[in-house]
Amino acid sequence: MGLLALASCGSNSDSTVEGAQLKVYPIPDEIGPDEVKAGTFTVCKSAPEADGQPFTMNTTYVVATEPPIVSVPTVDLRDGECEDVFVTSSGGGPDQVTIEEIVPEGWESPPVLEVYTRDANGNVFKDPHEPATTVTGITDFGKDGCLVIFVNMKEPVDPFCGDGNIDEGETCDPPGQPEGQPNECRENCTFCGDGNVDPTEECDDGNNEPGDGCDPFCNVERGDQGCTPGYYKQSHHLCEWEYDPDDLFDDVFMVDAPGNDTLLQALSNGGGGETAFQRHAVAALLNAANGGVFFKYSSDEVKAVVQEAYMTGAFEELKYLLERANTAGCPLNNCRGKANGRR
């Protein structure tokens, strides 16, 4: 609502105005007859979020003379300030005063109003009024007076990365800020070490300690452990398998190898070349899938090596790659009390 006429600030809505005697003082803690002065129109500003920002008020006086005197001065008020913008002269009135606030960009409009009026008997009461940017009231020497508090709040802003607040989906803010997290806050308001695996991370274990499988830069650490084909093919070590020994080699690795062997058969076959490669491919896959082995490659990386070998025929070269990882040192120990066999 843009315009509000305050009939309760005076009994004559046809009255007109005079000059002003201005002074600035703090908003009173309590509003009573001493604060709502007879014959005076007082304006106050409440804007706790303004941080010293001034708010401009256009004040129009229409003084009850023949002909009427009209004046339109401007005043600036800051949070917590009041100003007597108009005082009716001795023996004058009733006079009309209109205050229009120019609401700055980024602030809710219209502002909330707190309106106090004083009647001819000196009684002060608070009037309920809707929000408005413009207020009109009446003053009369020794009688009617008004005090209006314009209460301004900033417009709500949707949360965004960079607003300085850690909003939903963020673990830091603003970007570039190192305080409070072990790594720099990224442009999407997350950081390596926040415990959330983001698209640019291979892992995030909630810390930046090396040697725990996820390095300080959120890359999966490549391990220095591995068990050989000879370990996994033994019947009393089948409990260490995270795959069914009867799974087909071709199905698991998504290749077309001759023989249609199972994983256990491929692991157990003797010979060199492609057969030796298959042995180390199966062992490498079992190492990568076993949580007790800090292996150099992931399961997907092992499968990618096997697929490359079958596309290029580089069995010997890629076998040595997997063999070095499989012979790094086996941490497993006879199934650690597991039931023997996965089948």
Protein backbone atom coordinates (compact mmCIF):
# COMPACT_ATOMS: atom_id res chain seq x y z
CA MET A 1 0.00 0.00 0.00
CA GLY A 2 1.63 3.25 -1.11
CA LEU A 3 -0.43 6.00 0.67
CA LEU A 4 -1.83 6.12 4.19
CA ALA A 5 -3.87 9.01 5.63
CA LEU A 6 -3.68 9.27 9.44
CA ALA A 7 -6.99 10.77 10.47
CA SER A 8 -6.10 9.86 14.09
CA CYS A 9 -3.17 12.30 14.02
CA GLY A 10 -5.67 15.17 13.83
CA SER A 11 -9.37 15.73 13.55
CA ASN A 12 -9.39 17.91 10.45
CA SER A 13 -8.36 16.10 7.27
CA ASP A 14 -8.76 19.36 5.31
CA SER A 15 -6.12 21.20 7.36
CA THR A 16 -3.09 22.72 5.73
CA VAL A 17 0.77 23.54 7.20
CA GLU A 18 3.91 25.72 8.37
CA GLY A 19 7.75 25.61 8.76
CA ALA A 20 10.01 23.11 10.52
CA GLN A 21 12.30 23.14 13.53
CA LEU A 22 14.58 20.15 13.04
CA LYS A 23 16.70 18.19 15.51
CA VAL A 24 18.03 14.62 15.44
CA TYR A 25 17.89 12.34 18.50
CA PRO A 26 17.72 8.57 19.26
CA ILE A 27 14.52 6.57 19.06
CA PRO A 28 12.98 6.62 22.56
CA ASP A 29 12.88 3.36 24.52
CA GLU A 30 9.27 4.06 25.47
CA ILE A 31 6.70 6.09 23.52
CA GLY A 32 4.53 8.41 25.64
CA PRO A 33 3.33 12.03 25.91
CA ASP A 34 6.91 13.33 26.27
CA GLU A 35 7.91 11.62 23.03
CA VAL A 36 4.75 12.31 20.98
CA LYS A 37 4.84 16.07 21.36
CA ALA A 38 1.88 18.34 20.95
CA GLY A 39 1.93 20.16 17.63
CA THR A 40 4.92 18.15 16.38
CA PHE A 41 5.34 15.56 13.60
CA THR A 42 8.27 13.24 14.43
CA VAL A 43 9.77 10.65 12.09
CA CYS A 44 12.07 7.83 13.22
CA LYS A 45 14.06 5.24 11.30
CA SER A 46 14.59 1.59 12.31
CA ALA A 47 16.83 -0.38 9.94
CA PRO A 48 19.14 -2.69 11.95
CA GLU A 49 20.70 -4.15 8.78
CA ALA A 50 21.57 -0.75 7.27
CA ASP A 51 25.08 -0.40 8.80
CA GLY A 52 24.89 3.39 8.77
CA GLN A 53 23.14 3.73 5.41
CA PRO A 54 20.93 6.87 5.28
CA PHE A 55 17.28 6.75 4.18
CA THR A 56 15.89 9.80 2.42
CA MET A 57 12.52 11.26 3.44
CA ASN A 58 10.64 13.80 1.33
CA THR A 59 8.59 15.96 3.71
CA THR A 60 5.69 18.12 2.52
CA TYR A 61 4.22 20.79 4.85
CA VAL A 62 0.97 22.57 4.09
CA VAL A 63 0.62 25.40 6.61
CA ALA A 64 -2.83 26.67 7.53
CA THR A 65 -2.59 30.23 6.28
CA GLU A 66 -4.34 32.26 3.61
CA PRO A 67 -3.04 31.44 1.08
CA PRO A 68 -1.55 28.13 2.37
CA ILE A 69 2.25 27.91 2.58
CA VAL A 70 3.68 24.74 1.00
CA SER A 71 7.25 23.55 1.61
CA VAL A 72 8.97 20.31 0.50
CA PRO A 73 12.31 19.81 2.34
CA THR A 74 14.27 16.54 2.38
CA VAL A 75 15.76 14.85 5.44
CA ASP A 76 18.08 11.84 5.78
CA LEU A 77 17.73 9.43 8.69
CA ARG A 78 19.86 6.47 9.77
CA ASP A 79 18.98 3.50 11.93
CA GLY A 80 18.00 4.55 15.43
CA GLU A 81 17.53 8.26 14.60
CA CYS A 82 14.47 10.46 15.03
CA GLU A 83 13.81 13.94 13.72
CA ASP A 84 11.07 16.45 14.51
CA VAL A 85 10.34 17.26 10.88
CA PHE A 86 7.60 19.78 11.62
CA VAL A 87 6.51 21.88 14.60
CA THR A 88 3.32 23.96 14.42
CA SER A 89 3.99 27.57 15.34
CA SER A 90 2.45 29.24 18.39
CA GLY A 91 -1.28 29.62 17.89
CA GLY A 92 -1.11 27.86 14.51
CA GLY A 93 -2.72 24.79 13.05
CA PRO A 94 -4.16 22.48 12.30
CA ASP A 95 -1.34 21.82 9.80
CA GLN A 96 -0.86 18.87 7.44
CA VAL A 97 2.39 16.94 7.09
CA THR A 98 3.17 14.24 4.53
CA ILE A 99 6.29 12.05 4.74
CA GLU A 100 7.38 9.92 1.79
CA GLU A 101 10.28 7.49 2.21
CA ILE A 102 12.46 6.78 -0.82
CA VAL A 103 13.14 3.07 -0.31
CA PRO A 104 16.66 2.16 -1.51
CA GLU A 105 17.24 -0.76 -3.84
CA GLY A 106 17.57 -4.05 -2.02
CA TRP A 107 15.15 -3.14 0.75
CA GLU A 108 11.58 -4.39 1.17
CA SER A 109 8.96 -1.93 0.02
CA PRO A 110 6.69 -0.68 1.42
CA PRO A 111 8.23 -0.51 4.90
CA VAL A 112 6.43 -1.50 8.10
CA LEU A 113 4.98 1.44 10.07
CA GLU A 114 4.69 2.03 13.78
CA VAL A 115 2.41 5.03 14.29
CA TYR A 116 1.75 6.85 17.58
CA THR A 117 -0.73 9.71 17.90
CA ARG A 118 -1.44 12.29 20.57
CA ASP A 119 -4.89 13.78 20.95
CA ALA A 120 -5.91 17.20 22.26
CA ASN A 121 -6.14 15.82 25.80
CA GLY A 122 -2.54 14.59 25.80
CA ASN A 123 -3.42 10.89 25.46
CA VAL A 124 -1.01 8.80 23.36
CA PHE A 125 -2.03 5.61 21.62
CA LYS A 126 -0.53 3.33 18.96
CA ASP A 127 -2.43 3.06 15.70
CA PRO A 128 -2.44 -0.17 13.68
CA HIS A 129 -1.42 0.61 10.11
CA GLU A 130 -0.56 -1.34 7.02
CA PRO A 131 2.92 -0.98 5.46
CA ALA A 132 3.26 2.16 3.35
CA THR A 133 5.89 4.46 1.88
CA THR A 134 3.82 7.63 2.39
CA VAL A 135 2.19 8.87 5.60
CA THR A 136 0.00 11.95 6.10
CA GLY A 137 -0.93 13.38 9.50
CA ILE A 138 -2.15 16.50 11.33
CA THR A 139 -0.45 18.67 13.95
CA ASP A 140 -2.08 21.42 15.97
CA PHE A 141 -0.37 23.80 18.38
CA GLY A 142 -0.65 22.50 21.95
CA LYS A 143 -2.88 19.63 20.85
CA ASP A 144 -2.39 16.94 18.21
CA GLY A 145 0.96 15.34 17.41
CA CYS A 146 2.34 12.32 15.56
CA LEU A 147 5.36 10.02 15.80
CA VAL A 148 5.96 7.58 12.93
CA ILE A 149 8.67 4.90 12.87
CA PHE A 150 9.57 3.56 9.42
CA VAL A 151 10.87 -0.01 9.91
CA ASN A 152 12.93 -1.26 6.97
CA MET A 153 14.19 -4.79 6.31
CA LYS A 154 16.41 -5.98 3.49
CA GLU A 155 14.85 -8.01 0.71
CA PRO A 156 15.50 -11.74 1.16
CA VAL A 157 18.21 -13.05 -1.16
CA ASP A 158 18.29 -16.64 -2.41
CA PRO A 159 21.36 -18.46 -1.06
CA PHE A 160 24.29 -18.63 -3.45
CA CYS A 161 27.88 -19.82 -3.37
CA GLY A 162 29.87 -16.77 -2.38
CA ASP A 163 27.33 -15.18 -0.04
CA GLY A 164 29.52 -15.98 2.96
CA ASN A 165 27.00 -18.42 4.45
CA ILE A 166 27.38 -22.20 4.42
CA ASP A 167 24.06 -23.09 2.79
CA GLU A 168 22.56 -26.48 1.96
CA GLY A 169 24.86 -28.40 -0.37
CA GLU A 170 27.89 -26.31 0.66
CA THR A 171 30.66 -27.20 3.06
CA CYS A 172 32.49 -23.86 2.89
CA ASP A 173 31.88 -20.29 1.75
CA PRO A 174 33.29 -18.08 0.30
CA PRO A 175 35.51 -19.71 -2.35
CA GLY A 176 39.22 -19.32 -1.73
CA GLN A 177 38.80 -19.18 2.02
CA PRO A 178 41.23 -21.56 3.79
CA GLU A 179 40.12 -20.77 7.34
CA GLY A 180 38.14 -23.60 8.92
CA GLN A 181 38.98 -26.30 6.39
CA PRO A 182 42.20 -28.12 5.48
CA ASN A 183 42.05 -27.29 1.75
CA GLU A 184 41.00 -24.17 -0.12
CA CYS A 185 37.29 -23.66 -0.67
CA ARG A 186 36.56 -24.33 -4.35
CA GLU A 187 34.36 -22.33 -6.72
CA ASN A 188 31.38 -24.61 -5.94
CA CYS A 189 31.75 -24.04 -2.17
CA THR A 190 33.11 -27.50 -1.36
CA PHE A 191 36.60 -28.58 -0.40
CA CYS A 192 38.70 -31.70 -0.50
CA GLY A 193 38.40 -33.24 2.95
CA ASP A 194 34.75 -32.40 3.65
CA GLY A 195 33.65 -36.04 3.45
CA ASN A 196 31.58 -35.61 0.27
CA VAL A 197 32.83 -37.09 -3.00
CA ASP A 198 32.38 -34.32 -5.56
CA PRO A 199 32.58 -34.71 -9.36
CA THR A 200 36.21 -33.59 -9.41
CA GLU A 201 37.27 -36.06 -6.69
CA GLU A 202 38.08 -39.76 -6.82
CA CYS A 203 37.51 -40.03 -3.07
CA ASP A 204 36.93 -37.92 0.04
CA ASP A 205 37.35 -39.56 3.42
CA GLY A 206 36.78 -36.43 5.48
CA ASN A 207 40.43 -35.68 6.18
CA ASN A 208 43.65 -34.77 4.40
CA GLU A 209 45.91 -37.45 5.82
CA PRO A 210 48.06 -39.51 3.45
CA GLY A 211 48.33 -43.29 3.63
CA ASP A 212 44.66 -44.05 4.34
CA GLY A 213 43.58 -44.83 0.78
CA CYS A 214 42.60 -41.26 -0.13
CA ASP A 215 45.43 -38.77 -0.54
CA PRO A 216 45.34 -35.09 0.60
CA PHE A 217 44.17 -34.07 -2.90
CA CYS A 218 41.21 -36.49 -2.89
CA ASN A 219 42.77 -38.95 -5.32
CA VAL A 220 42.65 -42.66 -4.58
CA GLU A 221 46.02 -43.71 -3.24
CA ARG A 222 47.61 -46.57 -5.16
CA GLY A 223 48.69 -49.27 -2.77
CA ASP A 224 51.82 -51.38 -2.35
CA GLN A 225 50.19 -54.73 -1.58
CA GLY A 226 49.15 -57.65 -3.78
CA CYS A 227 48.66 -61.40 -3.65
CA THR A 228 49.80 -63.76 -6.40
CA PRO A 229 47.77 -66.08 -8.65
CA GLY A 230 49.29 -68.96 -6.67
CA TYR A 231 47.72 -67.65 -3.46
CA TYR A 232 44.21 -67.22 -4.83
CA LYS A 233 44.03 -70.55 -6.69
CA GLN A 234 44.48 -72.61 -3.52
CA SER A 235 41.22 -74.16 -2.38
CA HIS A 236 41.67 -73.00 1.21
CA HIS A 237 41.98 -69.39 -0.02
CA LEU A 238 38.75 -69.33 -2.04
CA CYS A 239 37.11 -67.53 0.88
CA GLU A 240 39.18 -64.47 -0.03
CA TRP A 241 37.42 -64.19 -3.39
CA GLU A 242 34.96 -61.35 -3.91
CA TYR A 243 33.83 -63.02 -7.16
CA ASP A 244 32.34 -66.47 -7.71
CA PRO A 245 35.12 -68.78 -8.99
CA ASP A 246 32.61 -70.12 -11.54
CA ASP A 247 32.02 -66.69 -13.08
CA LEU A 248 33.16 -66.70 -16.72
CA PHE A 249 36.32 -64.79 -17.57
CA ASP A 250 34.68 -63.24 -20.66
CA ASP A 251 31.61 -62.07 -18.76
CA VAL A 252 33.58 -60.45 -15.93
CA PHE A 253 36.11 -58.67 -18.14
CA MET A 254 33.75 -58.12 -21.10
CA VAL A 255 36.18 -59.62 -23.63
CA ASP A 256 36.10 -62.50 -26.11
CA ALA A 257 38.86 -64.85 -24.98
CA PRO A 258 39.28 -68.39 -26.30
CA GLY A 259 38.27 -71.37 -24.18
CA ASN A 260 35.26 -69.96 -22.33
CA ASP A 261 37.08 -70.54 -19.02
CA THR A 262 35.83 -69.66 -15.57
CA LEU A 263 37.85 -67.30 -13.38
CA LEU A 264 39.23 -70.24 -11.39
CA GLN A 265 40.21 -72.11 -14.57
CA ALA A 266 41.91 -69.02 -16.03
CA LEU A 267 43.77 -68.59 -12.74
CA SER A 268 44.90 -72.23 -12.68
CA ASN A 269 45.93 -72.75 -16.34
CA GLY A 270 49.67 -73.16 -16.97
CA GLY A 271 51.67 -71.69 -19.82
CA GLY A 272 52.88 -68.32 -21.04
CA GLY A 273 51.60 -65.57 -23.32
CA GLU A 274 47.85 -65.00 -23.12
CA THR A 275 47.41 -67.76 -20.52
CA ALA A 276 49.94 -66.15 -18.16
CA PHE A 277 48.25 -62.80 -18.71
CA GLN A 278 44.87 -64.31 -17.72
CA ARG A 279 46.32 -65.66 -14.48
CA HIS A 280 47.57 -62.24 -13.45
CA ALA A 281 44.41 -60.52 -14.68
CA VAL A 282 42.25 -62.67 -12.37
CA ALA A 283 44.64 -62.23 -9.42
CA ALA A 284 44.74 -58.46 -9.98
CA LEU A 285 40.94 -58.30 -10.04
CA LEU A 286 40.70 -60.27 -6.79
CA ASN A 287 43.30 -57.98 -5.19
CA ALA A 288 41.45 -54.85 -6.30
CA ALA A 289 38.13 -56.17 -4.96
CA ASN A 290 39.51 -57.31 -1.62
CA GLY A 291 39.19 -54.71 1.14
CA GLY A 292 42.11 -56.30 2.98
CA VAL A 293 44.57 -55.61 0.16
CA PHE A 294 45.93 -52.10 -0.44
CA PHE A 295 46.25 -52.68 -4.18
CA LYS A 296 47.69 -50.38 -6.79
CA TYR A 297 44.71 -50.52 -9.17
CA SER A 298 40.94 -50.35 -8.86
CA SER A 299 38.67 -53.08 -10.25
CA ASP A 300 37.69 -50.83 -13.16
CA GLU A 301 41.34 -50.11 -13.94
CA VAL A 302 42.16 -53.84 -13.97
CA LYS A 303 39.26 -54.51 -16.32
CA ALA A 304 40.43 -51.67 -18.56
CA VAL A 305 43.92 -53.22 -18.77
CA VAL A 306 42.43 -56.59 -19.77
CA GLN A 307 40.25 -55.00 -22.43
CA GLU A 308 43.24 -53.10 -23.81
CA ALA A 309 45.25 -56.33 -24.00
CA TYR A 310 42.55 -58.03 -26.03
CA MET A 311 42.20 -55.03 -28.34
CA THR A 312 45.95 -54.60 -28.92
CA GLY A 313 47.34 -58.08 -28.32
CA ALA A 314 49.94 -56.64 -25.89
CA PHE A 315 49.58 -59.58 -23.47
CA GLU A 316 53.23 -59.81 -22.48
CA GLU A 317 53.75 -56.12 -21.79
CA LEU A 318 50.51 -55.74 -19.81
CA LYS A 319 51.10 -59.00 -17.95
CA TYR A 320 54.28 -57.53 -16.43
CA LEU A 321 52.28 -54.45 -15.37
CA LEU A 322 49.82 -56.61 -13.40
CA GLU A 323 52.47 -59.05 -12.22
CA ARG A 324 54.48 -56.30 -10.53
CA ALA A 325 51.38 -55.23 -8.61
CA ASN A 326 50.38 -58.83 -7.73
CA THR A 327 53.79 -59.61 -6.25
CA ALA A 328 54.07 -56.47 -4.06
CA GLY A 329 53.43 -58.46 -0.88
CA CYS A 330 50.34 -60.30 0.32
CA PRO A 331 48.78 -59.13 3.62
CA LEU A 332 46.15 -61.90 3.70
CA ASN A 333 46.54 -64.88 5.98
CA ASN A 334 44.55 -68.02 5.21
CA CYS A 335 41.15 -66.30 5.07
CA ARG A 336 41.42 -64.80 8.58
CA GLY A 337 38.96 -67.35 9.98
CA LYS A 338 36.47 -67.07 7.11
CA ALA A 339 34.50 -70.06 5.97
CA ASN A 340 36.44 -71.83 3.23
CA GLY A 341 35.15 -71.30 -0.31
CA ARG A 342 32.89 -68.75 -1.99
CA ARG A 343 30.78 -71.22 -3.99
